[in-house]
Amino acid sequence: MPDPNWEIPLNLQPDPDNYSYDLDTTLRAIVGLRADVPGDAFTAETLGTERIGSGAVIRAPGAPDNLVLTIGYLITEAETVWLIAADGRTIPGHALAFDQATGFGLVLALGKLDLPALELGDSSTLELGASAVMAAGGGRARAIETKVVGRQEFAGYWEYLLDEAIFTAPAHPFWSGAALIGPDGRLMGTGSLILQQGDSRGQRADMNMIVPIALLPPILDKLLATGTSGEPPRPWLGLFVMESEGGLVVGGLADGGPAERAGLKTGDHIVGVGEEEISEVAALWRSVWAAGLPGVQVRLQVQRDEMPMTVRVTTGDRGKFLRTPRMH
């Protein structure tokens, strides 16, 4: 858990004189977020029971005034959610929606926010080298000047894939749900991860992976109405896969998930799906998702202790393993 008194070093904080919009007013739209999850929840072991991050109060056509956008893993299976304004006020919230495909989460404030809201921007206009502000809840002292250093595909080991994510550096140290604010003062994306990349001299460079805001408007109405995007659920294996020099390695398995029930083991190498050879995480997820709806059987070609074998996994619906949010 971060130190409650943490601040970004002054030389990395954004200077209000460098922006055409009112920076301090804009940053008031970013709130701290705390979610508490029961110890027996499906995601408790991997994501923890006390989750700390941020969210942005947003303004969008058809959306309520008290809506906060965050990253979904913070509020998955949350029993209680609290929003913390920069002035120290604490407002209860309700975990309204979580879209597994994009990773976005929505929280409905259950009390009066009395805060400004961010307009949704056009994240497709952010070019490489563009300047932006990455902000966690707490005002300018918790914001950092950053630049767009990449726009490319991102494949997550937890059965997650974005066709084009935004990457920024320097990295914000408390990135979960932090807001990426573009040069026009609009919201460009939501912080998801910190990634570490080595350069040719062996030095480490940190960057944030941002979920682009362009993915939200097409699904926002459905999220508000039903809590989901309305898209059919994807077939889920329940495993964590990493790329290595030897190919794709199973790094972990969801307890009681489809892959574990099928007999897959940590350390197995996945070399194909059906008759198709697979060597990248993104290709693995796309092949599994193309197989049909949850419940479809997927044939994984596996090497275990250098011995080839076939593991048939009857896929599941990840959402059915999760607790349904309850109103306070």
Protein backbone atom coordinates (compact mmCIF):
# COMPACT_ATOMS: atom_id res chain seq x y z
CA MET A 1 0.00 0.00 0.00
CA PRO A 2 1.43 3.42 -0.90
CA ASP A 3 2.44 5.89 1.82
CA PRO A 4 -0.64 8.13 2.30
CA ASN A 5 1.66 11.17 2.27
CA TRP A 6 3.55 10.32 -0.92
CA GLU A 7 4.25 13.03 -3.49
CA ILE A 8 5.81 13.16 -6.94
CA PRO A 9 9.20 14.96 -6.84
CA LEU A 10 8.67 18.64 -7.55
CA ASN A 11 10.85 18.64 -10.68
CA LEU A 12 8.59 15.98 -12.25
CA GLN A 13 5.27 17.64 -11.40
CA PRO A 14 3.45 19.50 -14.18
CA ASP A 15 3.84 23.30 -14.27
CA PRO A 16 0.43 25.03 -14.67
CA ASP A 17 2.03 27.72 -16.83
CA ASN A 18 2.78 25.11 -19.50
CA TYR A 19 -0.87 24.24 -20.16
CA SER A 20 -3.65 26.01 -22.03
CA TYR A 21 -6.29 24.65 -19.63
CA ASP A 22 -6.70 25.19 -15.88
CA LEU A 23 -4.46 22.39 -14.62
CA ASP A 24 -5.38 22.52 -10.94
CA THR A 25 -9.13 22.52 -11.63
CA THR A 26 -8.70 19.62 -14.05
CA LEU A 27 -6.73 17.61 -11.49
CA ARG A 28 -9.56 17.99 -8.96
CA ALA A 29 -11.52 15.59 -11.19
CA ILE A 30 -9.10 12.79 -10.24
CA VAL A 31 -10.02 10.95 -7.03
CA GLY A 32 -8.33 8.36 -4.93
CA LEU A 33 -10.06 4.97 -4.76
CA ARG A 34 -10.04 2.19 -2.20
CA ALA A 35 -11.86 -1.10 -2.72
CA ASP A 36 -12.29 -3.87 -0.17
CA VAL A 37 -12.81 -7.42 -1.41
CA PRO A 38 -13.88 -10.48 0.65
CA GLY A 39 -11.11 -12.92 1.46
CA ASP A 40 -12.96 -15.77 -0.25
CA ALA A 41 -13.42 -13.88 -3.54
CA PHE A 42 -12.02 -15.55 -6.64
CA THR A 43 -9.52 -12.73 -7.27
CA ALA A 44 -8.52 -12.19 -3.63
CA GLU A 45 -5.32 -14.25 -3.81
CA THR A 46 -4.00 -12.70 -7.03
CA LEU A 47 -5.20 -9.09 -6.65
CA GLY A 48 -5.48 -8.77 -2.87
CA THR A 49 -8.38 -7.85 -0.62
CA GLU A 50 -7.52 -4.16 -0.15
CA ARG A 51 -6.93 -2.37 -3.46
CA ILE A 52 -5.73 1.21 -3.72
CA GLY A 53 -5.73 3.33 -6.87
CA SER A 54 -7.41 6.25 -8.60
CA GLY A 55 -10.28 7.15 -10.87
CA ALA A 56 -11.49 10.10 -12.94
CA VAL A 57 -14.87 11.77 -12.68
CA ILE A 58 -16.07 11.79 -16.29
CA ARG A 59 -18.61 13.66 -18.36
CA ALA A 60 -20.17 11.83 -21.31
CA PRO A 61 -23.54 11.95 -23.13
CA GLY A 62 -26.13 9.91 -21.24
CA ALA A 63 -23.86 9.29 -18.25
CA PRO A 64 -24.77 10.35 -14.70
CA ASP A 65 -22.88 13.24 -13.11
CA ASN A 66 -21.45 11.06 -10.34
CA LEU A 67 -19.65 8.54 -12.58
CA VAL A 68 -15.99 7.62 -12.04
CA LEU A 69 -13.84 5.75 -14.55
CA THR A 70 -11.08 3.52 -13.21
CA ILE A 71 -9.22 0.36 -14.11
CA GLY A 72 -11.41 -2.67 -13.60
CA TYR A 73 -9.12 -4.90 -11.57
CA LEU A 74 -9.34 -2.44 -8.66
CA ILE A 75 -13.08 -3.00 -8.24
CA THR A 76 -13.51 -6.60 -9.39
CA GLU A 77 -15.59 -8.39 -6.72
CA ALA A 78 -15.41 -5.32 -4.46
CA GLU A 79 -17.78 -5.35 -1.50
CA THR A 80 -17.13 -1.71 -0.58
CA VAL A 81 -15.66 1.16 -2.59
CA TRP A 82 -14.57 4.56 -1.29
CA LEU A 83 -13.68 7.63 -3.34
CA ILE A 84 -11.28 10.18 -1.84
CA ALA A 85 -11.37 13.76 -3.12
CA ALA A 86 -8.25 15.96 -3.13
CA ASP A 87 -9.72 17.99 -0.23
CA GLY A 88 -9.87 14.84 1.92
CA ARG A 89 -13.59 14.12 1.62
CA THR A 90 -14.50 10.44 1.44
CA ILE A 91 -17.55 9.40 -0.60
CA PRO A 92 -18.95 5.85 -0.78
CA GLY A 93 -19.20 4.29 -4.20
CA HIS A 94 -20.69 1.29 -5.95
CA ALA A 95 -18.76 -0.95 -8.38
CA LEU A 96 -21.14 -0.48 -11.30
CA ALA A 97 -19.40 -2.21 -14.21
CA PHE A 98 -16.25 -4.00 -15.32
CA ASP A 99 -15.43 -4.77 -18.95
CA GLN A 100 -12.98 -7.64 -19.20
CA ALA A 101 -12.10 -6.98 -22.83
CA THR A 102 -10.91 -3.38 -22.37
CA GLY A 103 -10.15 -3.48 -18.66
CA PHE A 104 -12.25 -0.41 -17.83
CA GLY A 105 -14.23 -0.22 -14.60
CA LEU A 106 -17.02 2.19 -13.61
CA VAL A 107 -17.89 3.35 -10.10
CA LEU A 108 -21.08 5.20 -9.22
CA ALA A 109 -20.60 7.66 -6.35
CA LEU A 110 -23.34 7.23 -3.76
CA GLY A 111 -22.92 10.72 -2.34
CA LYS A 112 -22.46 14.20 -3.73
CA LEU A 113 -19.06 14.59 -5.38
CA ASP A 114 -19.11 18.36 -6.02
CA LEU A 115 -16.09 17.96 -8.30
CA PRO A 116 -15.29 18.94 -11.89
CA ALA A 117 -15.53 16.23 -14.53
CA LEU A 118 -13.26 15.38 -17.45
CA GLU A 119 -14.54 15.35 -21.00
CA LEU A 120 -13.57 12.24 -22.98
CA GLY A 121 -10.85 13.05 -25.50
CA ASP A 122 -9.82 11.53 -28.81
CA SER A 123 -6.93 9.26 -27.86
CA SER A 124 -6.26 8.43 -31.52
CA THR A 125 -4.81 11.92 -31.92
CA LEU A 126 -2.02 11.32 -29.39
CA GLU A 127 1.12 10.97 -31.48
CA LEU A 128 4.51 9.64 -30.43
CA GLY A 129 6.32 12.28 -28.43
CA ALA A 130 3.11 14.06 -27.41
CA SER A 131 3.19 15.58 -23.93
CA ALA A 132 0.54 14.61 -21.39
CA VAL A 133 -0.15 14.58 -17.66
CA MET A 134 -0.52 11.33 -15.73
CA ALA A 135 -2.44 11.98 -12.53
CA ALA A 136 -3.44 9.96 -9.48
CA GLY A 137 -5.90 11.25 -6.90
CA GLY A 138 -4.47 14.06 -4.78
CA GLY A 139 -3.87 17.06 -7.02
CA ARG A 140 -0.70 18.39 -8.61
CA ALA A 141 1.58 16.75 -6.02
CA ARG A 142 0.47 13.37 -7.37
CA ALA A 143 0.71 14.19 -11.06
CA ILE A 144 3.64 13.75 -13.43
CA GLU A 145 4.59 15.24 -16.77
CA THR A 146 4.99 12.43 -19.27
CA LYS A 147 5.25 11.71 -22.99
CA VAL A 148 3.77 9.13 -25.33
CA VAL A 149 6.61 6.72 -26.16
CA GLY A 150 4.64 3.96 -27.87
CA ARG A 151 1.35 2.93 -29.45
CA GLN A 152 1.24 -0.78 -30.13
CA GLU A 153 -0.38 -4.12 -29.37
CA PHE A 154 -0.29 -5.31 -25.79
CA ALA A 155 -0.84 -8.93 -24.72
CA GLY A 156 -1.29 -9.61 -21.02
CA TYR A 157 -0.40 -12.94 -19.46
CA TRP A 158 -3.85 -13.10 -17.79
CA GLU A 159 -5.83 -13.63 -21.06
CA TYR A 160 -5.99 -9.97 -22.02
CA LEU A 161 -5.22 -8.23 -25.29
CA LEU A 162 -5.39 -4.69 -26.67
CA ASP A 163 -4.87 -4.13 -30.39
CA GLU A 164 -3.26 -0.77 -29.60
CA ALA A 165 -2.30 0.42 -26.14
CA ILE A 166 -0.66 3.72 -25.23
CA PHE A 167 2.73 3.69 -23.50
CA THR A 168 4.08 6.68 -21.59
CA ALA A 169 7.34 7.61 -19.85
CA PRO A 170 8.49 8.62 -17.33
CA ALA A 171 6.24 6.22 -15.47
CA HIS A 172 3.85 7.20 -12.70
CA PRO A 173 4.72 5.14 -9.59
CA PHE A 174 1.04 4.66 -8.61
CA TRP A 175 -0.49 3.97 -11.98
CA SER A 176 -3.59 1.92 -11.15
CA GLY A 177 -6.57 3.85 -12.47
CA ALA A 178 -4.52 7.05 -12.91
CA ALA A 179 -5.79 9.42 -15.60
CA LEU A 180 -3.85 10.28 -18.73
CA ILE A 181 -4.78 13.88 -19.58
CA GLY A 182 -4.02 15.13 -23.07
CA PRO A 183 -2.76 18.55 -24.23
CA ASP A 184 -6.37 19.78 -24.48
CA GLY A 185 -7.23 18.86 -20.88
CA ARG A 186 -9.40 15.92 -21.90
CA LEU A 187 -9.15 12.34 -20.69
CA MET A 188 -7.06 10.16 -23.02
CA GLY A 189 -6.84 6.92 -21.09
CA THR A 190 -6.66 5.02 -17.82
CA GLY A 191 -3.48 3.64 -16.26
CA SER A 192 -3.21 -0.13 -16.08
CA LEU A 193 0.39 -1.25 -15.58
CA ILE A 194 4.01 -0.31 -15.13
CA LEU A 195 6.41 -2.08 -17.47
CA GLN A 196 10.17 -2.34 -17.34
CA GLN A 197 12.28 -2.38 -20.46
CA GLY A 198 16.05 -2.60 -20.77
CA ASP A 199 18.03 -0.56 -23.29
CA SER A 200 21.17 -1.48 -25.25
CA ARG A 201 23.36 -0.35 -22.35
CA GLY A 202 21.61 -2.62 -19.88
CA GLN A 203 19.80 0.23 -18.14
CA ARG A 204 16.17 -0.14 -17.09
CA ALA A 205 13.46 2.20 -18.34
CA ASP A 206 10.01 2.23 -16.76
CA MET A 207 6.83 3.10 -18.64
CA ASN A 208 3.09 2.96 -18.03
CA MET A 209 0.63 1.04 -20.17
CA ILE A 210 -2.55 3.04 -20.71
CA VAL A 211 -5.94 1.77 -21.88
CA PRO A 212 -7.01 4.27 -24.60
CA ILE A 213 -10.21 6.19 -23.88
CA ALA A 214 -11.34 5.60 -27.49
CA LEU A 215 -12.43 2.11 -26.37
CA LEU A 216 -15.00 3.47 -23.90
CA PRO A 217 -17.69 5.36 -25.91
CA PRO A 218 -18.78 2.32 -28.00
CA ILE A 219 -19.59 0.32 -24.86
CA LEU A 220 -20.47 3.01 -22.31
CA ASP A 221 -24.27 2.85 -22.70
CA LYS A 222 -24.26 -0.93 -22.24
CA LEU A 223 -21.94 -0.71 -19.24
CA LEU A 224 -24.28 1.78 -17.60
CA ALA A 225 -27.39 -0.26 -18.36
CA THR A 226 -26.19 -3.81 -17.70
CA GLY A 227 -22.74 -3.72 -16.07
CA THR A 228 -21.17 -5.38 -19.12
CA SER A 229 -20.26 -4.35 -22.66
CA GLY A 230 -23.04 -6.47 -24.16
CA GLU A 231 -20.51 -8.45 -26.21
CA PRO A 232 -20.57 -12.27 -25.92
CA PRO A 233 -18.10 -13.49 -23.27
CA ARG A 234 -14.85 -14.92 -24.53
CA PRO A 235 -13.84 -18.54 -23.83
CA TRP A 236 -11.53 -18.55 -20.83
CA LEU A 237 -8.75 -21.00 -19.98
CA GLY A 238 -7.84 -19.83 -16.48
CA LEU A 239 -4.09 -19.72 -16.87
CA PHE A 240 -1.21 -17.26 -16.85
CA VAL A 241 1.22 -17.52 -19.76
CA MET A 242 4.64 -15.93 -20.22
CA GLU A 243 6.86 -15.65 -23.26
CA SER A 244 10.37 -17.02 -22.88
CA GLU A 245 13.21 -18.05 -25.16
CA GLY A 246 11.71 -21.53 -25.14
CA GLY A 247 8.27 -20.33 -26.24
CA LEU A 248 5.11 -19.96 -24.16
CA VAL A 249 5.35 -21.19 -20.59
CA VAL A 250 2.46 -21.70 -18.16
CA GLY A 251 3.39 -19.56 -15.17
CA GLY A 252 0.29 -20.23 -13.09
CA LEU A 253 -3.25 -21.59 -13.06
CA ALA A 254 -6.49 -20.23 -11.68
CA ASP A 255 -7.66 -22.46 -8.82
CA GLY A 256 -10.50 -24.61 -10.09
CA GLY A 257 -10.31 -23.02 -13.52
CA PRO A 258 -10.74 -24.85 -16.84
CA ALA A 259 -7.01 -25.38 -17.50
CA GLU A 260 -6.34 -26.78 -14.04
CA ARG A 261 -9.32 -29.14 -14.31
CA ALA A 262 -8.02 -30.32 -17.68
CA GLY A 263 -4.67 -31.28 -16.18
CA LEU A 264 -2.43 -28.47 -17.41
CA LYS A 265 0.50 -27.81 -15.06
CA THR A 266 2.77 -24.91 -14.21
CA GLY A 267 5.91 -25.15 -16.34
CA ASP A 268 4.16 -26.71 -19.34
CA HIS A 269 5.14 -25.24 -22.71
CA ILE A 270 2.24 -24.42 -25.05
CA VAL A 271 3.32 -24.86 -28.66
CA GLY A 272 0.01 -24.88 -30.51
CA VAL A 273 -3.77 -24.63 -30.55
CA GLY A 274 -5.41 -27.36 -32.59
CA GLU A 275 -3.19 -27.78 -35.66
CA GLU A 276 -1.84 -24.22 -35.48
CA GLU A 277 1.64 -23.60 -34.10
CA ILE A 278 1.73 -20.77 -31.56
CA SER A 279 4.76 -18.90 -30.26
CA GLU A 280 3.35 -15.55 -29.04
CA VAL A 281 0.90 -14.74 -26.25
CA ALA A 282 -1.27 -12.55 -28.48
CA ALA A 283 -1.63 -15.35 -31.04
CA LEU A 284 -2.59 -17.80 -28.27
CA TRP A 285 -5.42 -15.62 -26.98
CA ARG A 286 -6.72 -14.87 -30.47
CA SER A 287 -6.77 -18.57 -31.38
CA VAL A 288 -8.65 -19.49 -28.21
CA TRP A 289 -11.18 -16.66 -28.59
CA ALA A 290 -11.77 -17.62 -32.23
CA ALA A 291 -12.85 -21.11 -31.15
CA GLY A 292 -16.34 -19.96 -30.12
CA LEU A 293 -18.20 -19.20 -26.91
CA PRO A 294 -17.38 -20.34 -23.37
CA GLY A 295 -17.91 -24.08 -23.12
CA VAL A 296 -16.13 -24.84 -26.37
CA GLN A 297 -13.32 -27.38 -26.14
CA VAL A 298 -9.85 -26.18 -27.12
CA ARG A 299 -6.99 -28.57 -27.97
CA LEU A 300 -3.69 -27.28 -26.64
CA GLN A 301 -0.49 -28.80 -27.96
CA VAL A 302 1.86 -28.96 -25.00
CA GLN A 303 5.38 -30.07 -24.17
CA ARG A 304 5.92 -31.33 -20.64
CA ASP A 305 9.45 -32.35 -19.70
CA GLU A 306 10.20 -32.27 -23.46
CA MET A 307 7.45 -34.82 -24.12
CA PRO A 308 4.66 -33.73 -26.54
CA MET A 309 1.07 -34.15 -25.43
CA THR A 310 -2.41 -32.83 -26.15
CA VAL A 311 -4.51 -31.24 -23.40
CA ARG A 312 -8.19 -30.72 -24.14
CA VAL A 313 -9.59 -27.80 -22.18
CA THR A 314 -13.30 -27.15 -21.92
CA THR A 315 -13.30 -23.38 -21.66
CA GLY A 316 -15.34 -21.39 -19.15
CA ASP A 317 -16.87 -17.96 -18.68
CA ARG A 318 -14.54 -15.96 -16.43
CA GLY A 319 -17.39 -13.73 -15.27
CA LYS A 320 -19.21 -16.67 -13.70
CA PHE A 321 -16.29 -17.27 -11.34
CA LEU A 322 -16.57 -13.74 -9.91
CA ARG A 323 -18.79 -12.31 -7.21
CA THR A 324 -21.54 -9.97 -8.36
CA PRO A 325 -21.21 -6.43 -6.93
CA ARG A 326 -23.81 -5.51 -4.32
CA MET A 327 -25.25 -2.10 -3.57
CA HIS A 328 -24.23 -0.65 -0.18
